[in-house]
């Protein structure tokens, strides 16, 4: 496995999200970092060599310091709920 990002503060890194690919992982990373949470991405080494963009080998673990895992999870759940509400508004307008 390889890791990118860094500056993970004191505390063992724990996974708070498993992205389907690098692009999704970068979006999640940017969102969490914009909320003050340092992020490290961890992926299977083979995916960067072969360039998988889908499937299990393309998945990326989004890791944060253990003391901030609860806050990160809350932010991600809140963002998901807001996205679902917006999707519902769009469907109602159709």
PDB file of N, CA and C in Angstrom:
ATOM      1  N   UNK A   1       0.836  -1.177   0.000  1.00  0.00           N
ATOM      2  CA  UNK A   1       0.000   0.000   0.000  1.00  0.00           C
ATOM      3  C   UNK A   1       0.880   1.239   0.000  1.00  0.00           C
ATOM      4  N   UNK A   2       0.400   2.269  -0.662  1.00  0.00           N
ATOM      5  CA  UNK A   2       1.117   3.536  -0.655  1.00  0.00           C
ATOM      6  C   UNK A   2       0.226   4.589  -0.027  1.00  0.00           C
ATOM      7  N   UNK A   3       0.864   5.616   0.499  1.00  0.00           N
ATOM      8  CA  UNK A   3       0.107   6.697   1.115  1.00  0.00           C
ATOM      9  C   UNK A   3       0.502   8.016   0.497  1.00  0.00           C
ATOM     10  N   UNK A   4      -0.452   8.925   0.423  1.00  0.00           N
ATOM     11  CA  UNK A   4      -0.178  10.281  -0.031  1.00  0.00           C
ATOM     12  C   UNK A   4      -0.826  11.232   0.939  1.00  0.00           C
ATOM     13  N   UNK A   5      -0.435  12.472   0.839  1.00  0.00           N
ATOM     14  CA  UNK A   5      -0.930  13.446   1.802  1.00  0.00           C
ATOM     15  C   UNK A   5      -0.064  13.327   3.014  1.00  0.00           C
ATOM     16  N   UNK A   6      -0.495  13.833   4.064  1.00  0.00           N
ATOM     17  CA  UNK A   6       0.322  13.686   5.244  1.00  0.00           C
ATOM     18  C   UNK A   6      -0.020  14.716   6.269  1.00  0.00           C
ATOM     19  N   UNK A   7       0.974  15.109   6.994  1.00  0.00           N
ATOM     20  CA  UNK A   7       0.819  16.014   8.114  1.00  0.00           C
ATOM     21  C   UNK A   7      -0.324  15.535   9.000  1.00  0.00           C
ATOM     22  N   UNK A   8      -0.395  14.214   9.145  1.00  0.00           N
ATOM     23  CA  UNK A   8      -1.408  13.664  10.040  1.00  0.00           C
ATOM     24  C   UNK A   8      -0.908  13.876  11.454  1.00  0.00           C
ATOM     25  N   UNK A   9      -1.668  14.643  12.221  1.00  0.00           N
ATOM     26  CA  UNK A   9      -1.276  15.015  13.572  1.00  0.00           C
ATOM     27  C   UNK A   9      -1.192  13.794  14.467  1.00  0.00           C
ATOM     28  N   UNK A  10      -0.846  14.075  15.727  1.00  0.00           N
ATOM     29  CA  UNK A  10      -0.739  13.003  16.717  1.00  0.00           C
ATOM     30  C   UNK A  10      -1.988  12.145  16.684  1.00  0.00           C
ATOM     31  N   UNK A  11      -1.788  10.891  16.777  1.00  0.00           N
ATOM     32  CA  UNK A  11      -2.908   9.960  16.715  1.00  0.00           C
ATOM     33  C   UNK A  11      -2.735   9.043  15.533  1.00  0.00           C
ATOM     34  N   UNK A  12      -3.017   7.813  15.752  1.00  0.00           N
ATOM     35  CA  UNK A  12      -2.890   6.800  14.711  1.00  0.00           C
ATOM     36  C   UNK A  12      -3.931   7.071  13.626  1.00  0.00           C
ATOM     37  N   UNK A  13      -3.532   6.984  12.348  1.00  0.00           N
ATOM     38  CA  UNK A  13      -4.497   7.206  11.267  1.00  0.00           C
ATOM     39  C   UNK A  13      -5.536   6.084  11.226  1.00  0.00           C
ATOM     40  N   UNK A  14      -6.788   6.464  11.067  1.00  0.00           N
ATOM     41  CA  UNK A  14      -7.874   5.495  10.938  1.00  0.00           C
ATOM     42  C   UNK A  14      -8.694   5.831   9.695  1.00  0.00           C
ATOM     43  N   UNK A  15      -9.256   4.804   9.088  1.00  0.00           N
ATOM     44  CA  UNK A  15     -10.060   5.003   7.885  1.00  0.00           C
ATOM     45  C   UNK A  15     -11.434   5.542   8.259  1.00  0.00           C
ATOM     46  N   UNK A  16     -11.833   6.639   7.599  1.00  0.00           N
ATOM     47  CA  UNK A  16     -13.173   7.187   7.812  1.00  0.00           C
ATOM     48  C   UNK A  16     -14.035   7.063   6.557  1.00  0.00           C
ATOM     49  N   UNK A  17     -13.397   6.734   5.435  1.00  0.00           N
ATOM     50  CA  UNK A  17     -14.147   6.629   4.181  1.00  0.00           C
ATOM     51  C   UNK A  17     -13.333   5.784   3.209  1.00  0.00           C
ATOM     52  N   UNK A  18     -14.021   4.979   2.414  1.00  0.00           N
ATOM     53  CA  UNK A  18     -13.352   4.224   1.353  1.00  0.00           C
ATOM     54  C   UNK A  18     -13.913   4.712   0.026  1.00  0.00           C
ATOM     55  N   UNK A  19     -13.070   5.418  -0.717  1.00  0.00           N
ATOM     56  CA  UNK A  19     -13.472   5.981  -2.003  1.00  0.00           C
ATOM     57  C   UNK A  19     -13.355   4.926  -3.099  1.00  0.00           C
ATOM     58  N   UNK A  20     -14.197   5.042  -4.116  1.00  0.00           N
ATOM     59  CA  UNK A  20     -14.171   4.068  -5.203  1.00  0.00           C
ATOM     60  C   UNK A  20     -12.969   4.261  -6.120  1.00  0.00           C
ATOM     61  N   UNK A  21     -12.402   5.486  -6.136  1.00  0.00           N
ATOM     62  CA  UNK A  21     -11.222   5.737  -6.961  1.00  0.00           C
ATOM     63  C   UNK A  21     -10.488   6.981  -6.452  1.00  0.00           C
ATOM     64  N   UNK A  22      -9.367   7.286  -7.072  1.00  0.00           N
ATOM     65  CA  UNK A  22      -8.523   8.410  -6.664  1.00  0.00           C
ATOM     66  C   UNK A  22      -9.267   9.741  -6.752  1.00  0.00           C
ATOM     67  N   UNK A  23     -10.063   9.928  -7.795  1.00  0.00           N
ATOM     68  CA  UNK A  23     -10.769  11.197  -7.966  1.00  0.00           C
ATOM     69  C   UNK A  23     -11.725  11.455  -6.798  1.00  0.00           C
ATOM     70  N   UNK A  24     -12.515  10.460  -6.441  1.00  0.00           N
ATOM     71  CA  UNK A  24     -13.431  10.626  -5.317  1.00  0.00           C
ATOM     72  C   UNK A  24     -12.649  10.873  -4.027  1.00  0.00           C
ATOM     73  N   UNK A  25     -11.540  10.162  -3.852  1.00  0.00           N
ATOM     74  CA  UNK A  25     -10.720  10.334  -2.649  1.00  0.00           C
ATOM     75  C   UNK A  25     -10.190  11.761  -2.544  1.00  0.00           C
ATOM     76  N   UNK A  26      -9.784  12.338  -3.662  1.00  0.00           N
ATOM     77  CA  UNK A  26      -9.262  13.707  -3.651  1.00  0.00           C
ATOM     78  C   UNK A  26     -10.359  14.714  -3.286  1.00  0.00           C
ATOM     79  N   UNK A  27     -11.579  14.476  -3.750  1.00  0.00           N
ATOM     80  CA  UNK A  27     -12.703  15.356  -3.400  1.00  0.00           C
ATOM     81  C   UNK A  27     -12.968  15.291  -1.895  1.00  0.00           C
ATOM     82  N   UNK A  28     -13.011  14.085  -1.343  1.00  0.00           N
ATOM     83  CA  UNK A  28     -13.243  13.906   0.094  1.00  0.00           C
ATOM     84  C   UNK A  28     -12.103  14.535   0.886  1.00  0.00           C
ATOM     85  N   UNK A  29     -10.879  14.329   0.434  1.00  0.00           N
ATOM     86  CA  UNK A  29      -9.700  14.901   1.099  1.00  0.00           C
ATOM     87  C   UNK A  29      -9.809  16.424   1.153  1.00  0.00           C
ATOM     88  N   UNK A  30     -10.135  17.034   0.024  1.00  0.00           N
ATOM     89  CA  UNK A  30     -10.270  18.490  -0.023  1.00  0.00           C
ATOM     90  C   UNK A  30     -11.363  18.997   0.905  1.00  0.00           C
ATOM     91  N   UNK A  31     -12.490  18.281   0.940  1.00  0.00           N
ATOM     92  CA  UNK A  31     -13.597  18.666   1.815  1.00  0.00           C
ATOM     93  C   UNK A  31     -13.175  18.627   3.276  1.00  0.00           C
ATOM     94  N   UNK A  32     -12.545  17.530   3.694  1.00  0.00           N
ATOM     95  CA  UNK A  32     -12.139  17.404   5.098  1.00  0.00           C
ATOM     96  C   UNK A  32     -11.055  18.422   5.450  1.00  0.00           C
ATOM     97  N   UNK A  33     -10.077  18.604   4.562  1.00  0.00           N
ATOM     98  CA  UNK A  33      -9.013  19.572   4.840  1.00  0.00           C
ATOM     99  C   UNK A  33      -9.559  20.996   4.919  1.00  0.00           C
ATOM    100  N   UNK A  34     -10.575  21.306   4.122  1.00  0.00           N
ATOM    101  CA  UNK A  34     -11.173  22.645   4.187  1.00  0.00           C
ATOM    102  C   UNK A  34     -11.907  22.864   5.507  1.00  0.00           C
ATOM    103  N   UNK A  35     -12.184  21.770   6.211  1.00  0.00           N
ATOM    104  CA  UNK A  35     -12.803  21.842   7.534  1.00  0.00           C
ATOM    105  C   UNK A  35     -11.784  21.616   8.647  1.00  0.00           C
ATOM    106  N   UNK A  36     -10.501  21.748   8.313  1.00  0.00           N
ATOM    107  CA  UNK A  36      -9.442  21.698   9.313  1.00  0.00           C
ATOM    108  C   UNK A  36      -8.991  20.318   9.745  1.00  0.00           C
ATOM    109  N   UNK A  37      -9.318  19.293   8.973  1.00  0.00           N
ATOM    110  CA  UNK A  37      -8.932  17.927   9.340  1.00  0.00           C
ATOM    111  C   UNK A  37      -7.834  17.450   8.390  1.00  0.00           C
ATOM    112  N   UNK A  38      -6.653  17.128   8.923  1.00  0.00           N
ATOM    113  CA  UNK A  38      -5.592  16.608   8.057  1.00  0.00           C
ATOM    114  C   UNK A  38      -5.954  15.213   7.557  1.00  0.00           C
ATOM    115  N   UNK A  39      -5.605  14.942   6.307  1.00  0.00           N
ATOM    116  CA  UNK A  39      -6.008  13.696   5.663  1.00  0.00           C
ATOM    117  C   UNK A  39      -4.803  13.015   5.023  1.00  0.00           C
ATOM    118  N   UNK A  40      -4.809  11.700   5.071  1.00  0.00           N
ATOM    119  CA  UNK A  40      -3.827  10.891   4.370  1.00  0.00           C
ATOM    120  C   UNK A  40      -4.608   9.894   3.520  1.00  0.00           C
ATOM    121  N   UNK A  41      -4.189   9.718   2.280  1.00  0.00           N
ATOM    122  CA  UNK A  41      -4.827   8.746   1.398  1.00  0.00           C
ATOM    123  C   UNK A  41      -3.953   7.507   1.307  1.00  0.00           C
ATOM    124  N   UNK A  42      -4.585   6.350   1.318  1.00  0.00           N
ATOM    125  CA  UNK A  42      -3.847   5.092   1.239  1.00  0.00           C
ATOM    126  C   UNK A  42      -4.470   4.237   0.150  1.00  0.00           C
ATOM    127  N   UNK A  43      -3.637   3.807  -0.817  1.00  0.00           N
ATOM    128  CA  UNK A  43      -4.146   2.970  -1.900  1.00  0.00           C
ATOM    129  C   UNK A  43      -3.258   1.763  -2.107  1.00  0.00           C
ATOM    130  N   UNK A  44      -3.807   0.794  -2.816  1.00  0.00           N
ATOM    131  CA  UNK A  44      -3.032  -0.390  -3.186  1.00  0.00           C
ATOM    132  C   UNK A  44      -1.929   0.053  -4.140  1.00  0.00           C
ATOM    133  N   UNK A  45      -0.723  -0.399  -3.904  1.00  0.00           N
ATOM    134  CA  UNK A  45       0.417  -0.019  -4.740  1.00  0.00           C
ATOM    135  C   UNK A  45       0.192  -0.376  -6.202  1.00  0.00           C
ATOM    136  N   UNK A  46      -0.398  -1.517  -6.454  1.00  0.00           N
ATOM    137  CA  UNK A  46      -0.586  -1.979  -7.825  1.00  0.00           C
ATOM    138  C   UNK A  46      -1.486  -1.036  -8.618  1.00  0.00           C
ATOM    139  N   UNK A  47      -2.431  -0.374  -7.948  1.00  0.00           N
ATOM    140  CA  UNK A  47      -3.360   0.498  -8.674  1.00  0.00           C
ATOM    141  C   UNK A  47      -2.644   1.676  -9.304  1.00  0.00           C
ATOM    142  N   UNK A  48      -1.602   2.194  -8.651  1.00  0.00           N
ATOM    143  CA  UNK A  48      -0.885   3.326  -9.226  1.00  0.00           C
ATOM    144  C   UNK A  48       0.054   2.881 -10.339  1.00  0.00           C
ATOM    145  N   UNK A  49       0.493   1.636 -10.308  1.00  0.00           N
ATOM    146  CA  UNK A  49       1.386   1.122 -11.345  1.00  0.00           C
ATOM    147  C   UNK A  49       0.604   0.794 -12.609  1.00  0.00           C
ATOM    148  N   UNK A  50      -0.487   0.079 -12.446  1.00  0.00           N
ATOM    149  CA  UNK A  50      -1.271  -0.368 -13.594  1.00  0.00           C
ATOM    150  C   UNK A  50      -2.301   0.681 -14.011  1.00  0.00           C
ATOM    151  N   UNK A  51      -2.704   1.526 -13.094  1.00  0.00           N
ATOM    152  CA  UNK A  51      -3.644   2.588 -13.424  1.00  0.00           C
ATOM    153  C   UNK A  51      -5.098   2.177 -13.391  1.00  0.00           C
ATOM    154  N   UNK A  52      -5.458   1.304 -12.459  1.00  0.00           N
ATOM    155  CA  UNK A  52      -6.862   0.927 -12.323  1.00  0.00           C
ATOM    156  C   UNK A  52      -7.690   2.160 -11.989  1.00  0.00           C
ATOM    157  N   UNK A  53      -8.846   2.294 -12.626  1.00  0.00           N
ATOM    158  CA  UNK A  53      -9.728   3.407 -12.286  1.00  0.00           C
ATOM    159  C   UNK A  53     -11.067   2.924 -11.748  1.00  0.00           C
ATOM    160  N   UNK A  54     -11.293   1.615 -11.802  1.00  0.00           N
ATOM    161  CA  UNK A  54     -12.506   1.039 -11.225  1.00  0.00           C
ATOM    162  C   UNK A  54     -12.164  -0.299 -10.586  1.00  0.00           C
ATOM    163  N   UNK A  55     -13.072  -0.784  -9.767  1.00  0.00           N
ATOM    164  CA  UNK A  55     -12.884  -2.079  -9.134  1.00  0.00           C
ATOM    165  C   UNK A  55     -12.179  -1.972  -7.800  1.00  0.00           C
ATOM    166  N   UNK A  56     -12.049  -3.092  -7.115  1.00  0.00           N
ATOM    167  CA  UNK A  56     -11.490  -3.096  -5.758  1.00  0.00           C
ATOM    168  C   UNK A  56     -10.066  -2.551  -5.670  1.00  0.00           C
ATOM    169  N   UNK A  57      -9.252  -2.771  -6.704  1.00  0.00           N
ATOM    170  CA  UNK A  57      -7.875  -2.284  -6.639  1.00  0.00           C
ATOM    171  C   UNK A  57      -7.773  -0.776  -6.837  1.00  0.00           C
ATOM    172  N   UNK A  58      -8.835  -0.147  -7.296  1.00  0.00           N
ATOM    173  CA  UNK A  58      -8.828   1.305  -7.465  1.00  0.00           C
ATOM    174  C   UNK A  58      -9.267   2.033  -6.197  1.00  0.00           C
ATOM    175  N   UNK A  59      -9.792   1.300  -5.220  1.00  0.00           N
ATOM    176  CA  UNK A  59     -10.295   1.936  -4.003  1.00  0.00           C
ATOM    177  C   UNK A  59      -9.177   2.620  -3.226  1.00  0.00           C
ATOM    178  N   UNK A  60      -9.545   3.717  -2.567  1.00  0.00           N
ATOM    179  CA  UNK A  60      -8.593   4.503  -1.788  1.00  0.00           C
ATOM    180  C   UNK A  60      -9.178   4.724  -0.396  1.00  0.00           C
ATOM    181  N   UNK A  61      -8.376   4.440   0.623  1.00  0.00           N
ATOM    182  CA  UNK A  61      -8.795   4.683   2.008  1.00  0.00           C
ATOM    183  C   UNK A  61      -8.487   6.125   2.375  1.00  0.00           C
ATOM    184  N   UNK A  62      -9.483   6.819   2.896  1.00  0.00           N
ATOM    185  CA  UNK A  62      -9.300   8.181   3.395  1.00  0.00           C
ATOM    186  C   UNK A  62      -9.074   8.055   4.899  1.00  0.00           C
ATOM    187  N   UNK A  63      -7.889   8.456   5.338  1.00  0.00           N
ATOM    188  CA  UNK A  63      -7.476   8.267   6.727  1.00  0.00           C
ATOM    189  C   UNK A  63      -7.297   9.620   7.417  1.00  0.00           C
ATOM    190  N   UNK A  64      -7.699   9.680   8.682  1.00  0.00           N
ATOM    191  CA  UNK A  64      -7.522  10.881   9.505  1.00  0.00           C
ATOM    192  C   UNK A  64      -6.970  10.450  10.858  1.00  0.00           C
ATOM    193  N   UNK A  65      -6.397  11.399  11.620  1.00  0.00           N
ATOM    194  CA  UNK A  65      -5.931  11.044  12.966  1.00  0.00           C
ATOM    195  C   UNK A  65      -7.095  10.547  13.814  1.00  0.00           C
ATOM    196  N   UNK A  66      -6.844   9.519  14.583  1.00  0.00           N
ATOM    197  CA  UNK A  66      -7.900   8.897  15.389  1.00  0.00           C
ATOM    198  C   UNK A  66      -8.704   9.897  16.220  1.00  0.00           C
ATOM    199  N   UNK A  67      -8.058  10.904  16.866  1.00  0.00           N
ATOM    200  CA  UNK A  67      -8.855  11.845  17.667  1.00  0.00           C
ATOM    201  C   UNK A  67      -9.850  12.677  16.840  1.00  0.00           C
ATOM    202  N   UNK A  68      -9.627  12.773  15.522  1.00  0.00           N
ATOM    203  CA  UNK A  68     -10.509  13.580  14.670  1.00  0.00           C
ATOM    204  C   UNK A  68     -11.474  12.728  13.843  1.00  0.00           C
ATOM    205  N   UNK A  69     -11.431  11.415  14.033  1.00  0.00           N
ATOM    206  CA  UNK A  69     -12.269  10.516  13.230  1.00  0.00           C
ATOM    207  C   UNK A  69     -13.759  10.791  13.425  1.00  0.00           C
ATOM    208  N   UNK A  70     -14.175  11.047  14.650  1.00  0.00           N
ATOM    209  CA  UNK A  70     -15.589  11.324  14.913  1.00  0.00           C
ATOM    210  C   UNK A  70     -16.064  12.571  14.195  1.00  0.00           C
ATOM    211  N   UNK A  71     -15.262  13.628  14.262  1.00  0.00           N
ATOM    212  CA  UNK A  71     -15.621  14.882  13.593  1.00  0.00           C
ATOM    213  C   UNK A  71     -15.672  14.674  12.077  1.00  0.00           C
ATOM    214  N   UNK A  72     -14.695  13.947  11.536  1.00  0.00           N
ATOM    215  CA  UNK A  72     -14.662  13.695  10.093  1.00  0.00           C
ATOM    216  C   UNK A  72     -15.891  12.911   9.650  1.00  0.00           C
ATOM    217  N   UNK A  73     -16.251  11.900  10.410  1.00  0.00           N
ATOM    218  CA  UNK A  73     -17.418  11.083  10.085  1.00  0.00           C
ATOM    219  C   UNK A  73     -18.692  11.921  10.121  1.00  0.00           C
ATOM    220  N   UNK A  74     -18.817  12.783  11.130  1.00  0.00           N
ATOM    221  CA  UNK A  74     -19.993  13.663  11.219  1.00  0.00           C
ATOM    222  C   UNK A  74     -20.075  14.582  10.009  1.00  0.00           C
ATOM    223  N   UNK A  75     -18.943  15.171   9.609  1.00  0.00           N
ATOM    224  CA  UNK A  75     -18.928  16.059   8.448  1.00  0.00           C
ATOM    225  C   UNK A  75     -19.348  15.312   7.184  1.00  0.00           C
ATOM    226  N   UNK A  76     -18.820  14.112   6.999  1.00  0.00           N
ATOM    227  CA  UNK A  76     -19.158  13.331   5.808  1.00  0.00           C
ATOM    228  C   UNK A  76     -20.631  12.927   5.800  1.00  0.00           C
ATOM    229  N   UNK A  77     -21.161  12.525   6.950  1.00  0.00           N
ATOM    230  CA  UNK A  77     -22.579  12.153   7.032  1.00  0.00           C
ATOM    231  C   UNK A  77     -23.470  13.359   6.775  1.00  0.00           C
ATOM    232  N   UNK A  78     -23.083  14.509   7.323  1.00  0.00           N
ATOM    233  CA  UNK A  78     -23.852  15.733   7.119  1.00  0.00           C
ATOM    234  C   UNK A  78     -23.865  16.124   5.641  1.00  0.00           C
ATOM    235  N   UNK A  79     -22.709  16.028   4.995  1.00  0.00           N
ATOM    236  CA  UNK A  79     -22.620  16.364   3.574  1.00  0.00           C
ATOM    237  C   UNK A  79     -23.453  15.399   2.739  1.00  0.00           C
ATOM    238  N   UNK A  80     -23.458  14.124   3.108  1.00  0.00           N
ATOM    239  CA  UNK A  80     -24.252  13.132   2.384  1.00  0.00           C
ATOM    240  C   UNK A  80     -25.742  13.429   2.536  1.00  0.00           C
ATOM    241  N   UNK A  81     -26.172  13.784   3.752  1.00  0.00           N
ATOM    242  CA  UNK A  81     -27.582  14.115   3.981  1.00  0.00           C
ATOM    243  C   UNK A  81     -27.986  15.342   3.177  1.00  0.00           C
ATOM    244  N   UNK A  82     -27.121  16.361   3.137  1.00  0.00           N
ATOM    245  CA  UNK A  82     -27.426  17.562   2.357  1.00  0.00           C
ATOM    246  C   UNK A  82     -27.548  17.228   0.880  1.00  0.00           C
ATOM    247  N   UNK A  83     -26.670  16.348   0.397  1.00  0.00           N
ATOM    248  CA  UNK A  83     -26.727  15.927  -1.002  1.00  0.00           C
ATOM    249  C   UNK A  83     -28.008  15.191  -1.318  1.00  0.00           C
ATOM    250  N   UNK A  84     -28.468  14.352  -0.393  1.00  0.00           N
ATOM    251  CA  UNK A  84     -29.716  13.621  -0.595  1.00  0.00           C
ATOM    252  C   UNK A  84     -30.901  14.574  -0.613  1.00  0.00           C
ATOM    253  N   UNK A  85     -30.872  15.592   0.253  1.00  0.00           N
ATOM    254  CA  UNK A  85     -31.956  16.573   0.271  1.00  0.00           C
ATOM    255  C   UNK A  85     -31.997  17.343  -1.038  1.00  0.00           C
ATOM    256  N   UNK A  86     -30.826  17.725  -1.554  1.00  0.00           N
ATOM    257  CA  UNK A  86     -30.776  18.450  -2.821  1.00  0.00           C
ATOM    258  C   UNK A  86     -31.278  17.577  -3.958  1.00  0.00           C
ATOM    259  N   UNK A  87     -30.925  16.285  -3.945  1.00  0.00           N
ATOM    260  CA  UNK A  87     -31.416  15.367  -4.969  1.00  0.00           C
ATOM    261  C   UNK A  87     -32.934  15.282  -4.916  1.00  0.00           C
ATOM    262  N   UNK A  88     -33.502  15.256  -3.724  1.00  0.00           N
ATOM    263  CA  UNK A  88     -34.951  15.205  -3.558  1.00  0.00           C
ATOM    264  C   UNK A  88     -35.617  16.454  -4.089  1.00  0.00           C
ATOM    265  N   UNK A  89     -34.985  17.618  -3.867  1.00  0.00           N
ATOM    266  CA  UNK A  89     -35.525  18.874  -4.377  1.00  0.00           C
ATOM    267  C   UNK A  89     -35.531  18.881  -5.898  1.00  0.00           C
ATOM    268  N   UNK A  90     -34.487  18.352  -6.503  1.00  0.00           N
ATOM    269  CA  UNK A  90     -34.387  18.310  -7.953  1.00  0.00           C
ATOM    270  C   UNK A  90     -35.461  17.402  -8.531  1.00  0.00           C
ATOM    271  N   UNK A  91     -35.663  16.245  -7.903  1.00  0.00           N
ATOM    272  CA  UNK A  91     -36.670  15.309  -8.394  1.00  0.00           C
ATOM    273  C   UNK A  91     -38.070  15.893  -8.261  1.00  0.00           C
ATOM    274  N   UNK A  92     -38.330  16.635  -7.187  1.00  0.00           N
ATOM    275  CA  UNK A  92     -39.647  17.230  -6.982  1.00  0.00           C
ATOM    276  C   UNK A  92     -39.928  18.306  -8.024  1.00  0.00           C
ATOM    277  N   UNK A  93     -38.874  18.986  -8.497  1.00  0.00           N
ATOM    278  CA  UNK A  93     -39.045  20.060  -9.465  1.00  0.00           C
ATOM    279  C   UNK A  93     -39.323  19.526 -10.864  1.00  0.00           C
ATOM    280  N   UNK A  94     -38.940  18.256 -11.118  1.00  0.00           N
ATOM    281  CA  UNK A  94     -39.134  17.687 -12.460  1.00  0.00           C
ATOM    282  C   UNK A  94     -40.553  17.424 -12.778  1.00  0.00           C
TER     283      UNK A  94
END
